[in-house]
Amino acid sequence: MKNIIKKYSNGEITVVWEPAKCIHSTICFKGLPGVFDPRKKPWVNIEGADTEKIVDQVKACPSEALSYFQNDD
């Protein structure tokens, strides 16, 4: 698989998705379906929850296919 990297920003944070790392644990969309929905395109709706909930869910990703960084002001 190519080294694809997708980024989704809500202004406060940017969520980074690296599909090549994904092990399809389903933790992301079971834990926060308003943000992570693999049936939709794009599958990440960064406006689907507040920043704190998104960060907590991204940290739960066992493969680190999802990560985040704080946006500069």
PDB file of N, CA and C in Angstrom:
ATOM      1  N   MET A   1       0.849  -1.185   0.000  1.00  0.00           N
ATOM      2  CA  MET A   1       0.000   0.000   0.000  1.00  0.00           C
ATOM      3  C   MET A   1       0.887   1.239   0.000  1.00  0.00           C
ATOM      4  N   LYS A   2       0.470   2.221  -0.768  1.00  0.00           N
ATOM      5  CA  LYS A   2       1.209   3.476  -0.818  1.00  0.00           C
ATOM      6  C   LYS A   2       1.236   4.145   0.552  1.00  0.00           C
ATOM      7  N   ASN A   3       2.172   5.035   0.736  1.00  0.00           N
ATOM      8  CA  ASN A   3       2.280   5.775   1.979  1.00  0.00           C
ATOM      9  C   ASN A   3       1.322   6.970   1.941  1.00  0.00           C
ATOM     10  N   ILE A   4       0.035   6.678   2.027  1.00  0.00           N
ATOM     11  CA  ILE A   4      -1.001   7.705   2.000  1.00  0.00           C
ATOM     12  C   ILE A   4      -1.146   8.282   3.397  1.00  0.00           C
ATOM     13  N   ILE A   5      -1.267   9.598   3.477  1.00  0.00           N
ATOM     14  CA  ILE A   5      -1.510  10.278   4.740  1.00  0.00           C
ATOM     15  C   ILE A   5      -2.640  11.273   4.514  1.00  0.00           C
ATOM     16  N   LYS A   6      -3.680  11.183   5.339  1.00  0.00           N
ATOM     17  CA  LYS A   6      -4.813  12.100   5.263  1.00  0.00           C
ATOM     18  C   LYS A   6      -4.848  12.931   6.536  1.00  0.00           C
ATOM     19  N   LYS A   7      -5.229  14.199   6.388  1.00  0.00           N
ATOM     20  CA  LYS A   7      -5.300  15.101   7.544  1.00  0.00           C
ATOM     21  C   LYS A   7      -6.667  15.756   7.598  1.00  0.00           C
ATOM     22  N   TYR A   8      -7.192  15.877   8.818  1.00  0.00           N
ATOM     23  CA  TYR A   8      -8.499  16.474   9.066  1.00  0.00           C
ATOM     24  C   TYR A   8      -8.363  17.456  10.221  1.00  0.00           C
ATOM     25  N   SER A   9      -8.740  18.711  10.007  1.00  0.00           N
ATOM     26  CA  SER A   9      -8.533  19.739  11.027  1.00  0.00           C
ATOM     27  C   SER A   9      -9.847  20.401  11.433  1.00  0.00           C
ATOM     28  N   ASN A  10      -9.953  20.717  12.719  1.00  0.00           N
ATOM     29  CA  ASN A  10     -11.091  21.497  13.215  1.00  0.00           C
ATOM     30  C   ASN A  10     -10.650  22.889  13.672  1.00  0.00           C
ATOM     31  N   GLY A  11      -9.432  23.260  13.363  1.00  0.00           N
ATOM     32  CA  GLY A  11      -8.896  24.547  13.782  1.00  0.00           C
ATOM     33  C   GLY A  11      -8.036  24.433  15.026  1.00  0.00           C
ATOM     34  N   GLU A  12      -8.453  23.616  15.984  1.00  0.00           N
ATOM     35  CA  GLU A  12      -7.686  23.415  17.216  1.00  0.00           C
ATOM     36  C   GLU A  12      -6.626  22.330  17.048  1.00  0.00           C
ATOM     37  N   ILE A  13      -7.059  21.214  16.451  1.00  0.00           N
ATOM     38  CA  ILE A  13      -6.167  20.078  16.243  1.00  0.00           C
ATOM     39  C   ILE A  13      -6.287  19.596  14.800  1.00  0.00           C
ATOM     40  N   THR A  14      -5.307  18.813  14.392  1.00  0.00           N
ATOM     41  CA  THR A  14      -5.368  18.110  13.117  1.00  0.00           C
ATOM     42  C   THR A  14      -5.192  16.632  13.413  1.00  0.00           C
ATOM     43  N   VAL A  15      -6.156  15.830  12.952  1.00  0.00           N
ATOM     44  CA  VAL A  15      -6.075  14.382  13.073  1.00  0.00           C
ATOM     45  C   VAL A  15      -5.412  13.862  11.801  1.00  0.00           C
ATOM     46  N   VAL A  16      -4.435  13.002  11.992  1.00  0.00           N
ATOM     47  CA  VAL A  16      -3.683  12.420  10.882  1.00  0.00           C
ATOM     48  C   VAL A  16      -4.014  10.936  10.812  1.00  0.00           C
ATOM     49  N   TRP A  17      -4.355  10.466   9.601  1.00  0.00           N
ATOM     50  CA  TRP A  17      -4.661   9.053   9.393  1.00  0.00           C
ATOM     51  C   TRP A  17      -3.687   8.465   8.398  1.00  0.00           C
ATOM     52  N   GLU A  18      -3.025   7.386   8.798  1.00  0.00           N
ATOM     53  CA  GLU A  18      -2.102   6.665   7.934  1.00  0.00           C
ATOM     54  C   GLU A  18      -2.675   5.260   7.703  1.00  0.00           C
ATOM     55  N   PRO A  19      -3.429   5.075   6.613  1.00  0.00           N
ATOM     56  CA  PRO A  19      -4.120   3.802   6.398  1.00  0.00           C
ATOM     57  C   PRO A  19      -3.210   2.575   6.346  1.00  0.00           C
ATOM     58  N   ALA A  20      -1.973   2.729   5.933  1.00  0.00           N
ATOM     59  CA  ALA A  20      -1.061   1.583   5.872  1.00  0.00           C
ATOM     60  C   ALA A  20      -0.776   0.996   7.255  1.00  0.00           C
ATOM     61  N   LYS A  21      -0.933   1.796   8.288  1.00  0.00           N
ATOM     62  CA  LYS A  21      -0.701   1.331   9.662  1.00  0.00           C
ATOM     63  C   LYS A  21      -1.946   0.710  10.300  1.00  0.00           C
ATOM     64  N   CYS A  22      -3.105   0.927   9.701  1.00  0.00           N
ATOM     65  CA  CYS A  22      -4.372   0.531  10.319  1.00  0.00           C
ATOM     66  C   CYS A  22      -4.505  -0.985  10.402  1.00  0.00           C
ATOM     67  N   ILE A  23      -4.872  -1.481  11.589  1.00  0.00           N
ATOM     68  CA  ILE A  23      -5.101  -2.908  11.790  1.00  0.00           C
ATOM     69  C   ILE A  23      -6.602  -3.209  11.904  1.00  0.00           C
ATOM     70  N   HIS A  24      -7.432  -2.227  11.635  1.00  0.00           N
ATOM     71  CA  HIS A  24      -8.893  -2.383  11.615  1.00  0.00           C
ATOM     72  C   HIS A  24      -9.440  -2.936  12.933  1.00  0.00           C
ATOM     73  N   SER A  25      -8.979  -2.363  14.020  1.00  0.00           N
ATOM     74  CA  SER A  25      -9.433  -2.793  15.342  1.00  0.00           C
ATOM     75  C   SER A  25     -10.865  -2.339  15.627  1.00  0.00           C
ATOM     76  N   THR A  26     -11.349  -1.376  14.913  1.00  0.00           N
ATOM     77  CA  THR A  26     -12.692  -0.774  15.028  1.00  0.00           C
ATOM     78  C   THR A  26     -12.872   0.068  16.289  1.00  0.00           C
ATOM     79  N   ILE A  27     -11.823   0.238  17.059  1.00  0.00           N
ATOM     80  CA  ILE A  27     -11.912   1.011  18.298  1.00  0.00           C
ATOM     81  C   ILE A  27     -12.334   2.455  18.009  1.00  0.00           C
ATOM     82  N   CYS A  28     -11.839   3.040  16.934  1.00  0.00           N
ATOM     83  CA  CYS A  28     -12.132   4.441  16.639  1.00  0.00           C
ATOM     84  C   CYS A  28     -13.626   4.661  16.408  1.00  0.00           C
ATOM     85  N   PHE A  29     -14.223   3.883  15.507  1.00  0.00           N
ATOM     86  CA  PHE A  29     -15.625   4.171  15.213  1.00  0.00           C
ATOM     87  C   PHE A  29     -16.595   3.578  16.218  1.00  0.00           C
ATOM     88  N   LYS A  30     -16.198   2.575  16.959  1.00  0.00           N
ATOM     89  CA  LYS A  30     -17.062   2.091  18.040  1.00  0.00           C
ATOM     90  C   LYS A  30     -17.057   3.083  19.198  1.00  0.00           C
ATOM     91  N   GLY A  31     -15.930   3.741  19.406  1.00  0.00           N
ATOM     92  CA  GLY A  31     -15.811   4.681  20.512  1.00  0.00           C
ATOM     93  C   GLY A  31     -16.339   6.068  20.219  1.00  0.00           C
ATOM     94  N   LEU A  32     -16.293   6.480  18.952  1.00  0.00           N
ATOM     95  CA  LEU A  32     -16.716   7.837  18.600  1.00  0.00           C
ATOM     96  C   LEU A  32     -17.305   7.824  17.172  1.00  0.00           C
ATOM     97  N   PRO A  33     -18.487   7.211  17.021  1.00  0.00           N
ATOM     98  CA  PRO A  33     -19.071   7.062  15.686  1.00  0.00           C
ATOM     99  C   PRO A  33     -19.483   8.374  15.032  1.00  0.00           C
ATOM    100  N   GLY A  34     -19.642   9.424  15.799  1.00  0.00           N
ATOM    101  CA  GLY A  34     -19.972  10.730  15.226  1.00  0.00           C
ATOM    102  C   GLY A  34     -18.806  11.361  14.489  1.00  0.00           C
ATOM    103  N   VAL A  35     -17.609  10.863  14.754  1.00  0.00           N
ATOM    104  CA  VAL A  35     -16.398  11.371  14.102  1.00  0.00           C
ATOM    105  C   VAL A  35     -15.862  10.360  13.096  1.00  0.00           C
ATOM    106  N   PHE A  36     -15.786   9.099  13.502  1.00  0.00           N
ATOM    107  CA  PHE A  36     -15.190   8.057  12.667  1.00  0.00           C
ATOM    108  C   PHE A  36     -16.278   7.131  12.134  1.00  0.00           C
ATOM    109  N   ASP A  37     -16.523   7.182  10.827  1.00  0.00           N
ATOM    110  CA  ASP A  37     -17.554   6.350  10.211  1.00  0.00           C
ATOM    111  C   ASP A  37     -17.037   5.829   8.874  1.00  0.00           C
ATOM    112  N   PRO A  38     -16.581   4.573   8.835  1.00  0.00           N
ATOM    113  CA  PRO A  38     -15.987   4.039   7.615  1.00  0.00           C
ATOM    114  C   PRO A  38     -16.976   3.878   6.463  1.00  0.00           C
ATOM    115  N   ARG A  39     -18.253   4.039   6.719  1.00  0.00           N
ATOM    116  CA  ARG A  39     -19.250   3.943   5.643  1.00  0.00           C
ATOM    117  C   ARG A  39     -19.389   5.247   4.876  1.00  0.00           C
ATOM    118  N   LYS A  40     -18.784   6.314   5.391  1.00  0.00           N
ATOM    119  CA  LYS A  40     -18.885   7.625   4.751  1.00  0.00           C
ATOM    120  C   LYS A  40     -17.546   8.032   4.149  1.00  0.00           C
ATOM    121  N   LYS A  41     -17.616   8.961   3.216  1.00  0.00           N
ATOM    122  CA  LYS A  41     -16.407   9.553   2.624  1.00  0.00           C
ATOM    123  C   LYS A  41     -16.530  11.059   2.712  1.00  0.00           C
ATOM    124  N   PRO A  42     -15.623  11.768   3.313  1.00  0.00           N
ATOM    125  CA  PRO A  42     -14.502  11.190   4.056  1.00  0.00           C
ATOM    126  C   PRO A  42     -14.997  10.496   5.316  1.00  0.00           C
ATOM    127  N   TRP A  43     -14.259   9.541   5.766  1.00  0.00           N
ATOM    128  CA  TRP A  43     -14.712   8.749   6.911  1.00  0.00           C
ATOM    129  C   TRP A  43     -14.476   9.435   8.248  1.00  0.00           C
ATOM    130  N   VAL A  44     -13.711  10.521   8.253  1.00  0.00           N
ATOM    131  CA  VAL A  44     -13.473  11.299   9.471  1.00  0.00           C
ATOM    132  C   VAL A  44     -14.248  12.608   9.366  1.00  0.00           C
ATOM    133  N   ASN A  45     -15.188  12.810  10.294  1.00  0.00           N
ATOM    134  CA  ASN A  45     -15.950  14.053  10.403  1.00  0.00           C
ATOM    135  C   ASN A  45     -15.425  14.792  11.625  1.00  0.00           C
ATOM    136  N   ILE A  46     -14.440  15.617  11.421  1.00  0.00           N
ATOM    137  CA  ILE A  46     -13.743  16.284  12.517  1.00  0.00           C
ATOM    138  C   ILE A  46     -14.661  17.200  13.333  1.00  0.00           C
ATOM    139  N   GLU A  47     -15.799  17.551  12.782  1.00  0.00           N
ATOM    140  CA  GLU A  47     -16.764  18.386  13.499  1.00  0.00           C
ATOM    141  C   GLU A  47     -17.766  17.556  14.306  1.00  0.00           C
ATOM    142  N   GLY A  48     -17.590  16.232  14.328  1.00  0.00           N
ATOM    143  CA  GLY A  48     -18.546  15.337  14.964  1.00  0.00           C
ATOM    144  C   GLY A  48     -18.471  15.252  16.476  1.00  0.00           C
ATOM    145  N   ALA A  49     -17.489  15.869  17.089  1.00  0.00           N
ATOM    146  CA  ALA A  49     -17.349  15.857  18.557  1.00  0.00           C
ATOM    147  C   ALA A  49     -16.390  16.973  18.945  1.00  0.00           C
ATOM    148  N   ASP A  50     -16.332  17.226  20.249  1.00  0.00           N
ATOM    149  CA  ASP A  50     -15.402  18.270  20.686  1.00  0.00           C
ATOM    150  C   ASP A  50     -13.965  17.743  20.680  1.00  0.00           C
ATOM    151  N   THR A  51     -13.050  18.664  20.688  1.00  0.00           N
ATOM    152  CA  THR A  51     -11.630  18.344  20.539  1.00  0.00           C
ATOM    153  C   THR A  51     -11.149  17.348  21.586  1.00  0.00           C
ATOM    154  N   GLU A  52     -11.542  17.526  22.825  1.00  0.00           N
ATOM    155  CA  GLU A  52     -11.076  16.635  23.893  1.00  0.00           C
ATOM    156  C   GLU A  52     -11.490  15.187  23.641  1.00  0.00           C
ATOM    157  N   LYS A  53     -12.722  14.977  23.212  1.00  0.00           N
ATOM    158  CA  LYS A  53     -13.192  13.617  22.929  1.00  0.00           C
ATOM    159  C   LYS A  53     -12.441  13.015  21.743  1.00  0.00           C
ATOM    160  N   ILE A  54     -12.185  13.827  20.730  1.00  0.00           N
ATOM    161  CA  ILE A  54     -11.446  13.337  19.573  1.00  0.00           C
ATOM    162  C   ILE A  54     -10.029  12.927  19.975  1.00  0.00           C
ATOM    163  N   VAL A  55      -9.359  13.765  20.747  1.00  0.00           N
ATOM    164  CA  VAL A  55      -7.996  13.455  21.201  1.00  0.00           C
ATOM    165  C   VAL A  55      -7.984  12.158  22.003  1.00  0.00           C
ATOM    166  N   ASP A  56      -8.926  12.003  22.914  1.00  0.00           N
ATOM    167  CA  ASP A  56      -8.984  10.780  23.721  1.00  0.00           C
ATOM    168  C   ASP A  56      -9.166   9.547  22.841  1.00  0.00           C
ATOM    169  N   GLN A  57     -10.018   9.654  21.824  1.00  0.00           N
ATOM    170  CA  GLN A  57     -10.254   8.509  20.950  1.00  0.00           C
ATOM    171  C   GLN A  57      -9.045   8.207  20.081  1.00  0.00           C
ATOM    172  N   VAL A  58      -8.404   9.230  19.560  1.00  0.00           N
ATOM    173  CA  VAL A  58      -7.203   9.026  18.742  1.00  0.00           C
ATOM    174  C   VAL A  58      -6.116   8.348  19.569  1.00  0.00           C
ATOM    175  N   LYS A  59      -5.970   8.735  20.817  1.00  0.00           N
ATOM    176  CA  LYS A  59      -4.958   8.120  21.692  1.00  0.00           C
ATOM    177  C   LYS A  59      -5.231   6.634  21.923  1.00  0.00           C
ATOM    178  N   ALA A  60      -6.481   6.205  21.736  1.00  0.00           N
ATOM    179  CA  ALA A  60      -6.845   4.799  21.947  1.00  0.00           C
ATOM    180  C   ALA A  60      -6.516   3.916  20.748  1.00  0.00           C
ATOM    181  N   CYS A  61      -6.072   4.487  19.655  1.00  0.00           N
ATOM    182  CA  CYS A  61      -5.760   3.719  18.443  1.00  0.00           C
ATOM    183  C   CYS A  61      -4.551   2.811  18.707  1.00  0.00           C
ATOM    184  N   PRO A  62      -4.726   1.488  18.673  1.00  0.00           N
ATOM    185  CA  PRO A  62      -3.628   0.590  19.028  1.00  0.00           C
ATOM    186  C   PRO A  62      -2.493   0.540  18.002  1.00  0.00           C
ATOM    187  N   SER A  63      -2.769   0.858  16.765  1.00  0.00           N
ATOM    188  CA  SER A  63      -1.738   0.772  15.724  1.00  0.00           C
ATOM    189  C   SER A  63      -1.056   2.104  15.439  1.00  0.00           C
ATOM    190  N   GLU A  64      -1.563   3.163  16.051  1.00  0.00           N
ATOM    191  CA  GLU A  64      -1.100   4.527  15.805  1.00  0.00           C
ATOM    192  C   GLU A  64      -1.322   4.959  14.358  1.00  0.00           C
ATOM    193  N   ALA A  65      -2.312   4.335  13.708  1.00  0.00           N
ATOM    194  CA  ALA A  65      -2.720   4.787  12.371  1.00  0.00           C
ATOM    195  C   ALA A  65      -3.362   6.164  12.475  1.00  0.00           C
ATOM    196  N   LEU A  66      -3.953   6.439  13.628  1.00  0.00           N
ATOM    197  CA  LEU A  66      -4.491   7.765  13.919  1.00  0.00           C
ATOM    198  C   LEU A  66      -3.560   8.464  14.894  1.00  0.00           C
ATOM    199  N   SER A  67      -3.271   9.704  14.603  1.00  0.00           N
ATOM    200  CA  SER A  67      -2.502  10.548  15.503  1.00  0.00           C
ATOM    201  C   SER A  67      -3.070  11.959  15.384  1.00  0.00           C
ATOM    202  N   TYR A  68      -2.531  12.868  16.164  1.00  0.00           N
ATOM    203  CA  TYR A  68      -3.011  14.251  16.102  1.00  0.00           C
ATOM    204  C   TYR A  68      -1.892  15.183  16.497  1.00  0.00           C
ATOM    205  N   PHE A  69      -2.081  16.429  16.123  1.00  0.00           N
ATOM    206  CA  PHE A  69      -1.198  17.480  16.628  1.00  0.00           C
ATOM    207  C   PHE A  69      -2.016  18.740  16.843  1.00  0.00           C
ATOM    208  N   GLN A  70      -1.538  19.561  17.777  1.00  0.00           N
ATOM    209  CA  GLN A  70      -2.172  20.841  18.063  1.00  0.00           C
ATOM    210  C   GLN A  70      -1.828  21.821  16.945  1.00  0.00           C
ATOM    211  N   ASN A  71      -2.814  22.553  16.488  1.00  0.00           N
ATOM    212  CA  ASN A  71      -2.567  23.578  15.476  1.00  0.00           C
ATOM    213  C   ASN A  71      -2.013  24.827  16.147  1.00  0.00           C
ATOM    214  N   ASP A  72      -1.105  25.494  15.473  1.00  0.00           N
ATOM    215  CA  ASP A  72      -0.584  26.759  15.983  1.00  0.00           C
ATOM    216  C   ASP A  72      -1.645  27.832  15.852  1.00  0.00           C
ATOM    217  N   ASP A  73      -1.659  28.740  16.798  1.00  0.00           N
ATOM    218  CA  ASP A  73      -2.620  29.848  16.740  1.00  0.00           C
ATOM    219  C   ASP A  73      -2.203  30.866  15.699  1.00  0.00           C
TER     220      ASP A  73
END
